[in-house]
Protein backbone atom coordinates (compact mmCIF):
# COMPACT_ATOMS: atom_id res chain seq x y z
CA MET A 1 63.78 -2.83 65.47
CA THR A 2 63.95 -3.45 61.81
CA ARG A 3 61.14 -1.15 60.81
CA GLY A 4 60.10 2.40 61.50
CA GLU A 5 62.14 4.84 63.34
CA SER A 6 61.48 4.48 67.00
CA ASP A 7 59.34 2.61 69.65
CA VAL A 8 57.31 5.58 69.63
CA ASP A 9 56.51 5.20 65.92
CA ALA A 10 55.87 1.37 66.39
CA ALA A 11 53.50 2.16 69.30
CA TRP A 12 51.61 4.60 67.30
CA ALA A 13 51.30 2.25 64.30
CA ALA A 14 50.11 -0.54 66.55
CA GLY A 15 47.44 1.69 68.18
CA PHE A 16 46.23 2.79 64.91
CA PHE A 17 46.11 -0.80 63.54
CA ASP A 18 44.41 -1.85 66.74
CA GLY A 19 41.53 0.66 66.11
CA GLU A 20 41.22 0.70 62.36
CA GLY A 21 42.92 -2.40 60.92
CA SER A 22 41.83 -5.87 60.18
CA VAL A 23 43.73 -9.17 59.62
CA GLY A 24 42.56 -12.39 58.15
CA CYS A 25 43.28 -15.54 56.27
CA TYR A 26 40.90 -16.12 53.12
CA GLN A 27 40.67 -18.96 50.81
CA CYS A 28 40.94 -17.72 47.30
CA GLY A 29 40.23 -20.76 44.92
CA LYS A 30 42.61 -23.42 45.76
CA TYR A 31 45.07 -20.98 47.48
CA TRP A 32 44.94 -19.08 50.85
CA ARG A 33 45.78 -15.38 51.38
CA LEU A 34 46.73 -13.96 54.52
CA SER A 35 46.28 -10.04 54.58
CA VAL A 36 45.99 -6.99 56.51
CA SER A 37 43.99 -3.88 55.62
CA ILE A 38 43.02 -0.36 56.80
CA SER A 39 40.50 1.91 55.21
CA GLN A 40 40.55 5.67 55.81
CA ALA A 41 38.86 8.75 54.25
CA HIS A 42 42.31 10.50 54.13
CA PRO A 43 45.53 8.97 52.85
CA TYR A 44 47.87 10.96 55.15
CA VAL A 45 47.59 8.54 58.10
CA LEU A 46 47.97 5.46 55.79
CA GLU A 47 51.01 6.98 54.29
CA ARG A 48 52.44 7.42 57.76
CA PHE A 49 51.68 3.77 58.68
CA ARG A 50 53.19 2.58 55.38
CA LYS A 51 56.40 4.56 56.06
CA ILE A 52 56.67 3.13 59.72
CA ALA A 53 55.81 -0.44 58.54
CA LEU A 54 58.09 -0.23 55.39
CA ASP A 55 55.54 -2.44 53.54
CA GLY A 56 52.22 -2.55 52.01
CA GLU A 57 50.31 -0.65 49.35
CA ILE A 58 47.77 2.39 49.28
CA SER A 59 45.13 2.45 46.76
CA GLY A 60 42.23 4.91 46.08
CA PRO A 61 40.27 7.04 46.34
CA TYR A 62 37.26 4.80 45.96
CA ASN A 63 33.50 5.88 46.20
CA ASN A 64 32.30 4.72 49.54
CA GLY A 65 28.62 5.06 48.75
CA GLU A 66 26.30 7.87 47.72
CA GLY A 67 26.79 11.02 49.87
CA LYS A 68 29.75 9.58 51.66
CA SER A 69 33.31 10.62 51.45
CA GLN A 70 35.87 8.81 49.36
CA VAL A 71 37.92 6.10 50.98
CA TYR A 72 41.65 4.95 50.58
CA HIS A 73 42.89 1.42 51.40
CA TYR A 74 46.24 0.11 52.84
CA LYS A 75 46.86 -3.62 52.23
CA ILE A 76 49.48 -6.31 52.49
CA ASN A 77 48.41 -9.31 50.77
CA ILE A 78 51.75 -11.33 51.02
CA GLY A 79 51.65 -13.69 53.85
CA VAL A 80 55.28 -13.19 54.83
CA GLY A 81 54.75 -9.44 54.77
CA VAL A 82 51.93 -9.82 57.12
CA ILE A 83 53.78 -11.97 59.54
CA GLU A 84 56.72 -9.46 59.55
CA LEU A 85 54.27 -6.71 60.15
CA PHE A 86 52.93 -8.70 63.20
CA LYS A 87 56.47 -9.39 64.67
CA PHE A 88 57.11 -5.52 64.51
CA LEU A 89 53.67 -4.43 65.97
CA GLU A 90 53.19 -7.30 68.47
CA PRO A 91 54.79 -5.62 71.58
CA PHE A 92 52.43 -2.80 71.32
CA LEU A 93 49.08 -4.57 70.21
CA SER A 94 46.14 -5.14 72.38
CA PRO A 95 45.32 -8.75 73.34
CA VAL A 96 42.50 -8.76 71.06
CA LYS A 97 44.45 -7.80 67.94
CA LYS A 98 47.25 -10.08 68.83
CA LYS A 99 44.76 -13.07 68.87
CA GLN A 100 43.39 -12.06 65.68
CA PHE A 101 46.77 -12.02 63.86
CA LYS A 102 47.77 -15.32 65.68
CA GLN A 103 44.45 -16.96 64.42
CA ALA A 104 45.05 -15.73 60.79
CA ILE A 105 48.72 -16.78 60.80
CA SER A 106 48.00 -20.27 62.32
CA THR A 107 45.21 -20.78 59.43
CA TYR A 108 47.82 -19.60 56.91
CA GLU A 109 50.56 -21.93 58.24
CA GLN A 110 48.22 -24.91 58.11
CA HIS A 111 48.56 -24.50 54.25
CA TYR A 112 51.92 -23.08 53.72
CA VAL A 113 55.63 -23.48 54.68
CA ILE A 114 57.26 -20.24 55.88
CA ALA A 115 60.95 -21.26 55.67
CA CYS A 116 61.94 -21.03 51.81
CA VAL A 117 64.34 -18.32 50.95
CA GLY A 118 63.58 -16.61 47.70
CA ARG A 119 65.38 -14.29 45.46
CA ALA A 120 67.20 -11.25 47.17
CA GLY A 121 67.08 -13.35 50.50
CA ARG A 122 63.50 -12.70 51.17
CA THR A 123 61.54 -15.22 53.04
CA GLN A 124 58.74 -16.75 50.91
CA ALA A 125 55.87 -19.11 51.56
CA LYS A 126 55.11 -22.23 49.52
CA PRO A 127 52.03 -24.45 49.54
CA LYS A 128 52.70 -27.54 51.66
CA GLU A 129 51.91 -29.90 48.89
CA MET A 130 54.78 -28.26 46.71
CA VAL A 131 57.56 -28.77 49.37
């Protein structure tokens, strides 16, 4: 394992993401964004998830509508980070969430090459027309 502290942590994070998280690939102008997100009323569980995943940002609180509690958001909007998170959580994810990840990653990979090594040795993605 390259993230988190134990299989128990990874299983907890996968179960939490299964129930509360979302993953998708979205077109933003001429580019595509692969992202994951989780929204919660309390930041504690998002902080725990981020510590285990070793990636992502937490923002908020944001108003969630009149008379409703405020909400916090966890996000990874960098494609390579999403792919790394999937590899980490995959052994513990439900078949439904695995399928959602695979579909989003497949769409992303239709537009980007995921083999370029960037600064500090981190894998990066480049649009296919630039490779």
